[in-house]
Amino acid sequence: MAAGAALIGPLADAAHTNFSAHMTGHLLLGMLAPLLLLHGNPLTLLMRGLPTNKARQLSRLMNSRFIAAASHPASAALLNFGGLFVLYRTSLFIWMHQSTWVYALVHIHVLLAGYVFTWSMLYTDLSAHRHSFRLRAAVLIVALASHKILAKSLYAMPPAGVTTNDGQLGAQIMYYGGDAVDVAIILLFCYSWYKASAPGRIARA
């Protein structure tokens, strides 16, 4: 529903001409939707619903080097937050509103990159490649800090074609709206670390 609101309807229509509406959609599509989707365990459901041979193929894909590299916390953070710097600090933001294909690809990337990053932090769903809590905590701190830095830079210098007032409002939505999802991820991450460190459990610290 969060992703749908960002892609279809009044908010999506307003996002073409209003940066604050665009940023609201960004938060729904790239941060809230991935978190909610992850806790629906789509990979687990898919694995259980597939025929045996298809499930084995999916299992081999999940164990592949490509997935291992793409789902590494550092890689996932770079794809997610690095992609945002490219979007807002290059001409890509203008191209996105001039080409339907670029618009679609950018939004697909925002959703998938947000999902992979959240997945690499929380491991709520199936994952063949798991990394230590300490590594993930370090990446999470750097990633969330980069999100704040980008928001502040957008407040000081909005993207090309965006008015100062609209750009500043959009940056504030990115900064403070992102806080709510950030807190949820941090709490879930800390809770999973706490459970893994409970007496009788061996944590990968």
Protein backbone atom coordinates (compact mmCIF):
# COMPACT_ATOMS: atom_id res chain seq x y z
CA MET A 1 0.00 0.00 0.00
CA ALA A 2 2.86 2.39 0.82
CA ALA A 3 4.51 1.64 -2.53
CA GLY A 4 1.19 1.98 -4.35
CA ALA A 5 0.55 5.41 -2.82
CA ALA A 6 3.96 6.56 -4.07
CA LEU A 7 3.40 5.29 -7.61
CA ILE A 8 -0.32 5.76 -8.29
CA GLY A 9 -2.80 8.42 -7.30
CA PRO A 10 -2.73 12.07 -6.20
CA LEU A 11 0.66 11.88 -4.49
CA ALA A 12 2.32 10.33 -7.54
CA ASP A 13 0.74 12.95 -9.81
CA ALA A 14 1.85 15.82 -7.57
CA ALA A 15 5.39 14.42 -7.38
CA HIS A 16 6.00 15.38 -11.02
CA THR A 17 5.86 19.09 -10.20
CA ASN A 18 6.20 19.27 -6.41
CA PHE A 19 9.47 18.27 -4.73
CA SER A 20 7.95 17.85 -1.27
CA ALA A 21 5.36 15.45 -2.73
CA HIS A 22 8.17 13.64 -4.53
CA MET A 23 10.11 13.30 -1.29
CA THR A 24 7.06 11.98 0.54
CA GLY A 25 6.76 9.35 -2.17
CA HIS A 26 10.47 8.59 -1.83
CA LEU A 27 10.05 7.86 1.88
CA LEU A 28 7.05 5.62 1.25
CA LEU A 29 8.65 3.75 -1.65
CA GLY A 30 12.28 3.53 -0.57
CA MET A 31 12.02 3.24 3.22
CA LEU A 32 8.57 2.31 4.58
CA ALA A 33 7.48 -0.10 1.81
CA PRO A 34 10.70 -2.18 1.98
CA LEU A 35 10.41 -2.49 5.77
CA LEU A 36 6.78 -3.59 5.59
CA LEU A 37 7.45 -5.89 2.63
CA LEU A 38 10.36 -7.56 4.38
CA HIS A 39 8.21 -8.42 7.39
CA GLY A 40 5.74 -10.10 5.04
CA ASN A 41 8.51 -12.68 4.37
CA PRO A 42 8.02 -12.74 0.57
CA LEU A 43 10.98 -15.06 -0.08
CA THR A 44 9.76 -17.56 2.50
CA LEU A 45 6.27 -17.52 1.01
CA LEU A 46 7.65 -17.83 -2.50
CA MET A 47 9.88 -20.76 -1.52
CA ARG A 48 6.97 -22.59 0.07
CA GLY A 49 4.66 -21.99 -2.88
CA LEU A 50 7.03 -23.04 -5.66
CA PRO A 51 7.29 -26.57 -7.07
CA THR A 52 10.31 -28.48 -5.76
CA ASN A 53 12.48 -27.96 -8.86
CA LYS A 54 11.72 -24.23 -8.98
CA ALA A 55 12.39 -23.90 -5.25
CA ARG A 56 15.79 -25.54 -5.76
CA GLN A 57 16.60 -23.09 -8.56
CA LEU A 58 15.66 -20.19 -6.30
CA SER A 59 17.80 -21.67 -3.53
CA ARG A 60 20.80 -21.86 -5.89
CA LEU A 61 20.22 -18.23 -6.89
CA MET A 62 20.06 -17.17 -3.24
CA ASN A 63 23.39 -18.92 -2.64
CA SER A 64 25.07 -17.40 -5.71
CA ARG A 65 28.04 -15.05 -5.60
CA PHE A 66 25.96 -12.30 -7.19
CA ILE A 67 23.41 -12.33 -4.36
CA ALA A 68 26.23 -12.60 -1.82
CA ALA A 69 27.86 -9.46 -3.23
CA ALA A 70 24.65 -7.49 -3.74
CA SER A 71 23.27 -8.31 -0.29
CA HIS A 72 26.47 -7.54 1.62
CA PRO A 73 25.58 -4.69 4.00
CA ALA A 74 28.19 -2.35 2.52
CA SER A 75 27.13 -3.06 -1.08
CA ALA A 76 23.46 -2.71 -0.21
CA ALA A 77 24.09 0.63 1.53
CA LEU A 78 26.08 1.92 -1.46
CA LEU A 79 23.36 0.90 -3.92
CA ASN A 80 20.67 2.45 -1.76
CA PHE A 81 22.11 5.70 -0.43
CA GLY A 82 24.73 6.14 -3.13
CA GLY A 83 21.91 5.93 -5.66
CA LEU A 84 20.14 8.80 -3.92
CA PHE A 85 23.22 11.02 -4.20
CA VAL A 86 23.36 10.23 -7.93
CA LEU A 87 19.64 10.96 -8.32
CA TYR A 88 19.61 14.32 -6.57
CA ARG A 89 23.11 15.59 -7.34
CA THR A 90 23.22 14.91 -11.08
CA SER A 91 20.96 15.58 -14.06
CA LEU A 92 19.21 12.26 -13.44
CA PHE A 93 16.52 14.03 -11.41
CA ILE A 94 15.60 16.15 -14.46
CA TRP A 95 15.82 13.21 -16.89
CA MET A 96 13.51 11.21 -14.65
CA HIS A 97 10.68 13.65 -15.29
CA GLN A 98 11.37 13.81 -19.01
CA SER A 99 11.39 10.08 -19.79
CA THR A 100 8.86 7.45 -18.77
CA TRP A 101 11.52 4.74 -18.93
CA VAL A 102 13.97 6.62 -16.75
CA TYR A 103 11.16 7.42 -14.31
CA ALA A 104 10.21 3.74 -14.09
CA LEU A 105 13.81 2.55 -13.71
CA VAL A 106 14.54 5.07 -10.96
CA HIS A 107 11.50 4.00 -8.96
CA ILE A 108 12.26 0.31 -9.43
CA HIS A 109 15.78 0.96 -8.19
CA VAL A 110 14.54 2.95 -5.17
CA LEU A 111 12.22 0.12 -4.10
CA LEU A 112 14.65 -2.74 -4.74
CA ALA A 113 17.67 -0.96 -3.26
CA GLY A 114 15.65 -0.02 -0.18
CA TYR A 115 14.45 -3.60 0.19
CA VAL A 116 17.91 -5.15 -0.19
CA PHE A 117 19.39 -2.69 2.31
CA THR A 118 16.69 -3.36 4.89
CA TRP A 119 17.02 -7.09 4.27
CA SER A 120 20.80 -6.93 4.74
CA MET A 121 20.32 -5.17 8.08
CA LEU A 122 17.56 -7.26 9.64
CA TYR A 123 17.58 -10.74 8.02
CA THR A 124 13.89 -11.12 8.83
CA ASP A 125 13.32 -13.15 5.67
CA LEU A 126 15.35 -16.01 4.18
CA SER A 127 19.03 -15.22 3.67
CA ALA A 128 21.90 -17.51 2.73
CA HIS A 129 24.57 -14.90 3.46
CA ARG A 130 24.52 -13.45 6.97
CA HIS A 131 27.01 -11.03 8.47
CA SER A 132 27.85 -10.12 12.05
CA PHE A 133 25.86 -7.67 14.11
CA ARG A 134 28.91 -5.45 14.56
CA LEU A 135 29.49 -5.15 10.83
CA ARG A 136 25.84 -4.40 10.18
CA ALA A 137 25.72 -1.87 13.02
CA ALA A 138 28.73 -0.02 11.60
CA VAL A 139 27.23 0.06 8.11
CA LEU A 140 23.86 1.15 9.47
CA ILE A 141 25.40 4.11 11.31
CA VAL A 142 27.28 5.29 8.22
CA ALA A 143 24.28 4.74 5.95
CA LEU A 144 21.83 6.66 8.12
CA ALA A 145 24.35 9.46 8.56
CA SER A 146 24.74 9.73 4.78
CA HIS A 147 20.97 10.02 4.45
CA LYS A 148 20.99 12.95 6.88
CA ILE A 149 23.92 14.60 5.10
CA LEU A 150 22.10 14.37 1.78
CA ALA A 151 18.95 15.86 3.31
CA LYS A 152 20.93 18.79 4.71
CA SER A 153 22.66 19.36 1.39
CA LEU A 154 19.28 19.41 -0.38
CA TYR A 155 18.05 21.98 2.13
CA ALA A 156 21.05 24.19 1.35
CA MET A 157 20.98 23.55 -2.41
CA PRO A 158 17.83 21.96 -3.89
CA PRO A 159 18.06 19.97 -7.15
CA ALA A 160 17.97 21.85 -10.44
CA GLY A 161 14.50 23.10 -11.32
CA VAL A 162 13.23 23.01 -7.72
CA THR A 163 12.38 26.27 -5.96
CA THR A 164 14.10 27.12 -2.70
CA ASN A 165 10.98 26.88 -0.54
CA ASP A 166 9.83 23.61 -2.10
CA GLY A 167 13.34 22.19 -1.91
CA GLN A 168 13.71 23.08 1.75
CA LEU A 169 10.33 21.56 2.61
CA GLY A 170 11.24 18.40 0.71
CA ALA A 171 14.58 18.20 2.51
CA GLN A 172 12.85 18.53 5.88
CA ILE A 173 10.45 15.73 4.94
CA MET A 174 13.44 13.59 3.98
CA TYR A 175 15.28 14.42 7.21
CA TYR A 176 12.51 14.18 9.78
CA GLY A 177 10.28 11.70 7.96
CA GLY A 178 13.23 9.38 7.53
CA ASP A 179 13.78 9.50 11.29
CA ALA A 180 10.59 7.52 11.95
CA VAL A 181 11.63 4.63 9.68
CA ASP A 182 15.23 4.85 10.90
CA VAL A 183 14.06 4.44 14.51
CA ALA A 184 11.97 1.42 13.54
CA ILE A 185 14.94 -0.23 11.81
CA ILE A 186 17.25 0.54 14.75
CA LEU A 187 14.78 -0.89 17.28
CA LEU A 188 14.24 -4.06 15.24
CA PHE A 189 17.97 -4.44 14.72
CA CYS A 190 18.76 -4.01 18.42
CA TYR A 191 15.97 -6.40 19.39
CA SER A 192 17.31 -9.09 17.06
CA TRP A 193 20.81 -8.57 18.49
CA TYR A 194 19.41 -8.82 22.01
CA LYS A 195 17.60 -12.07 21.20
CA ALA A 196 20.69 -13.56 19.57
CA SER A 197 22.80 -12.60 22.61
CA ALA A 198 20.37 -14.04 25.18
CA PRO A 199 21.66 -16.79 27.49
CA GLY A 200 21.92 -20.09 25.66
CA ARG A 201 22.23 -18.41 22.24
CA ILE A 202 25.44 -17.85 20.29
CA ALA A 203 25.54 -14.43 18.64
CA ARG A 204 27.69 -13.59 15.64
CA ALA A 205 29.12 -10.43 17.14
